[in-house]
Amino acid sequence: MEYRNVTLSLPKELLLRAKHIAIERGTSLSGLLTQLLEDLTRREDEYHRAKEHHLPMLGKFDLATKGNVMWARSDLYDR
């Protein structure tokens, strides 16, 4: 894997807390940020794959409304 250097500007207190968390996890700040960004991008990829898989299925469901809502929200609740 090729690495690139980046410059971040973070609030001082956030940086200090993040460094402490990295130490507690036995890694560096760079390692902690790498892990967090890998997790974030993996979740985003999984979400997009699931979305692409499930969106075509929506056309198969007939909810009998044909997209026209015949009621008001207040009709759904007894008050």
C-alpha atoms as a PDB file:
ATOM      1  CA  MET A   1       0.000   0.000   0.000  1.00  0.00           C
ATOM      2  CA  GLU A   2       1.352   3.400  -0.918  1.00  0.00           C
ATOM      3  CA  TYR A   3       1.169   6.047   1.780  1.00  0.00           C
ATOM      4  CA  ARG A   4       0.764   9.807   1.427  1.00  0.00           C
ATOM      5  CA  ASN A   5       1.333  12.491   4.021  1.00  0.00           C
ATOM      6  CA  VAL A   6      -1.544  14.824   4.842  1.00  0.00           C
ATOM      7  CA  THR A   7      -1.778  17.921   6.967  1.00  0.00           C
ATOM      8  CA  LEU A   8      -4.660  18.212   9.385  1.00  0.00           C
ATOM      9  CA  SER A   9      -5.781  21.134  11.445  1.00  0.00           C
ATOM     10  CA  LEU A  10      -7.548  19.891  14.564  1.00  0.00           C
ATOM     11  CA  PRO A  11      -8.656  21.547  17.773  1.00  0.00           C
ATOM     12  CA  LYS A  12      -5.964  21.121  20.427  1.00  0.00           C
ATOM     13  CA  GLU A  13      -8.178  19.280  22.926  1.00  0.00           C
ATOM     14  CA  LEU A  14      -9.434  16.883  20.265  1.00  0.00           C
ATOM     15  CA  LEU A  15      -5.877  16.119  19.209  1.00  0.00           C
ATOM     16  CA  LEU A  16      -4.812  15.435  22.798  1.00  0.00           C
ATOM     17  CA  ARG A  17      -7.787  13.115  23.412  1.00  0.00           C
ATOM     18  CA  ALA A  18      -7.140  11.281  20.146  1.00  0.00           C
ATOM     19  CA  LYS A  19      -3.483  10.772  21.048  1.00  0.00           C
ATOM     20  CA  HIS A  20      -4.486   9.307  24.408  1.00  0.00           C
ATOM     21  CA  ILE A  21      -6.949   6.957  22.733  1.00  0.00           C
ATOM     22  CA  ALA A  22      -4.252   5.849  20.292  1.00  0.00           C
ATOM     23  CA  ILE A  23      -1.864   5.138  23.171  1.00  0.00           C
ATOM     24  CA  GLU A  24      -4.549   3.157  25.022  1.00  0.00           C
ATOM     25  CA  ARG A  25      -5.110   1.079  21.869  1.00  0.00           C
ATOM     26  CA  GLY A  26      -1.399   0.516  21.388  1.00  0.00           C
ATOM     27  CA  THR A  27      -1.140   2.384  18.112  1.00  0.00           C
ATOM     28  CA  SER A  28      -0.074   5.739  16.773  1.00  0.00           C
ATOM     29  CA  LEU A  29      -2.349   8.637  15.913  1.00  0.00           C
ATOM     30  CA  SER A  30      -1.709   7.867  12.258  1.00  0.00           C
ATOM     31  CA  GLY A  31      -2.640   4.212  12.822  1.00  0.00           C
ATOM     32  CA  LEU A  32      -5.791   5.196  14.697  1.00  0.00           C
ATOM     33  CA  LEU A  33      -6.894   7.574  11.937  1.00  0.00           C
ATOM     34  CA  THR A  34      -6.110   4.958   9.285  1.00  0.00           C
ATOM     35  CA  GLN A  35      -8.263   2.385  11.089  1.00  0.00           C
ATOM     36  CA  LEU A  36     -11.137   4.832  11.528  1.00  0.00           C
ATOM     37  CA  LEU A  37     -11.034   5.923   7.886  1.00  0.00           C
ATOM     38  CA  GLU A  38     -10.842   2.303   6.700  1.00  0.00           C
ATOM     39  CA  ASP A  39     -13.908   1.461   8.813  1.00  0.00           C
ATOM     40  CA  LEU A  40     -15.770   4.499   7.479  1.00  0.00           C
ATOM     41  CA  THR A  41     -15.014   3.774   3.838  1.00  0.00           C
ATOM     42  CA  ARG A  42     -15.858   0.058   4.271  1.00  0.00           C
ATOM     43  CA  ARG A  43     -19.255   0.922   5.799  1.00  0.00           C
ATOM     44  CA  GLU A  44     -19.953   3.403   2.998  1.00  0.00           C
ATOM     45  CA  ASP A  45     -19.062   0.779   0.381  1.00  0.00           C
ATOM     46  CA  GLU A  46     -21.312  -1.802   2.085  1.00  0.00           C
ATOM     47  CA  TYR A  47     -24.171   0.700   2.253  1.00  0.00           C
ATOM     48  CA  HIS A  48     -23.899   1.542  -1.443  1.00  0.00           C
ATOM     49  CA  ARG A  49     -23.733  -2.146  -2.423  1.00  0.00           C
ATOM     50  CA  ALA A  50     -26.832  -2.890  -0.328  1.00  0.00           C
ATOM     51  CA  LYS A  51     -28.640   0.117  -1.770  1.00  0.00           C
ATOM     52  CA  GLU A  52     -27.857  -0.929  -5.348  1.00  0.00           C
ATOM     53  CA  HIS A  53     -29.017  -4.461  -4.537  1.00  0.00           C
ATOM     54  CA  HIS A  54     -32.287  -3.490  -2.830  1.00  0.00           C
ATOM     55  CA  LEU A  55     -33.515  -0.492  -4.829  1.00  0.00           C
ATOM     56  CA  PRO A  56     -34.552  -2.599  -7.840  1.00  0.00           C
ATOM     57  CA  MET A  57     -36.644  -4.742  -5.493  1.00  0.00           C
ATOM     58  CA  LEU A  58     -38.833  -1.789  -4.548  1.00  0.00           C
ATOM     59  CA  GLY A  59     -40.504  -1.829  -7.945  1.00  0.00           C
ATOM     60  CA  LYS A  60     -41.742  -5.359  -7.253  1.00  0.00           C
ATOM     61  CA  PHE A  61     -43.905  -4.352  -4.287  1.00  0.00           C
ATOM     62  CA  ASP A  62     -47.463  -3.233  -4.859  1.00  0.00           C
ATOM     63  CA  LEU A  63     -48.656  -1.225  -1.901  1.00  0.00           C
ATOM     64  CA  ALA A  64     -51.937  -0.485  -3.692  1.00  0.00           C
ATOM     65  CA  THR A  65     -51.436   3.265  -3.440  1.00  0.00           C
ATOM     66  CA  LYS A  66     -49.769   3.714  -6.839  1.00  0.00           C
ATOM     67  CA  GLY A  67     -47.923   6.605  -5.229  1.00  0.00           C
ATOM     68  CA  ASN A  68     -51.083   8.497  -4.274  1.00  0.00           C
ATOM     69  CA  VAL A  69     -51.639   9.004  -0.581  1.00  0.00           C
ATOM     70  CA  MET A  70     -55.345   9.229   0.138  1.00  0.00           C
ATOM     71  CA  TRP A  71     -55.117  10.253   3.769  1.00  0.00           C
ATOM     72  CA  ALA A  72     -53.717  12.977   5.928  1.00  0.00           C
ATOM     73  CA  ARG A  73     -51.273  12.243   8.698  1.00  0.00           C
ATOM     74  CA  SER A  74     -53.862  13.302  11.279  1.00  0.00           C
ATOM     75  CA  ASP A  75     -56.200  10.577   9.960  1.00  0.00           C
ATOM     76  CA  LEU A  76     -53.732   7.929  11.090  1.00  0.00           C
ATOM     77  CA  TYR A  77     -53.809   8.881  14.743  1.00  0.00           C
ATOM     78  CA  ASP A  78     -56.728   8.948  17.167  1.00  0.00           C
ATOM     79  CA  ARG A  79     -56.536  12.038  19.316  1.00  0.00           C
END
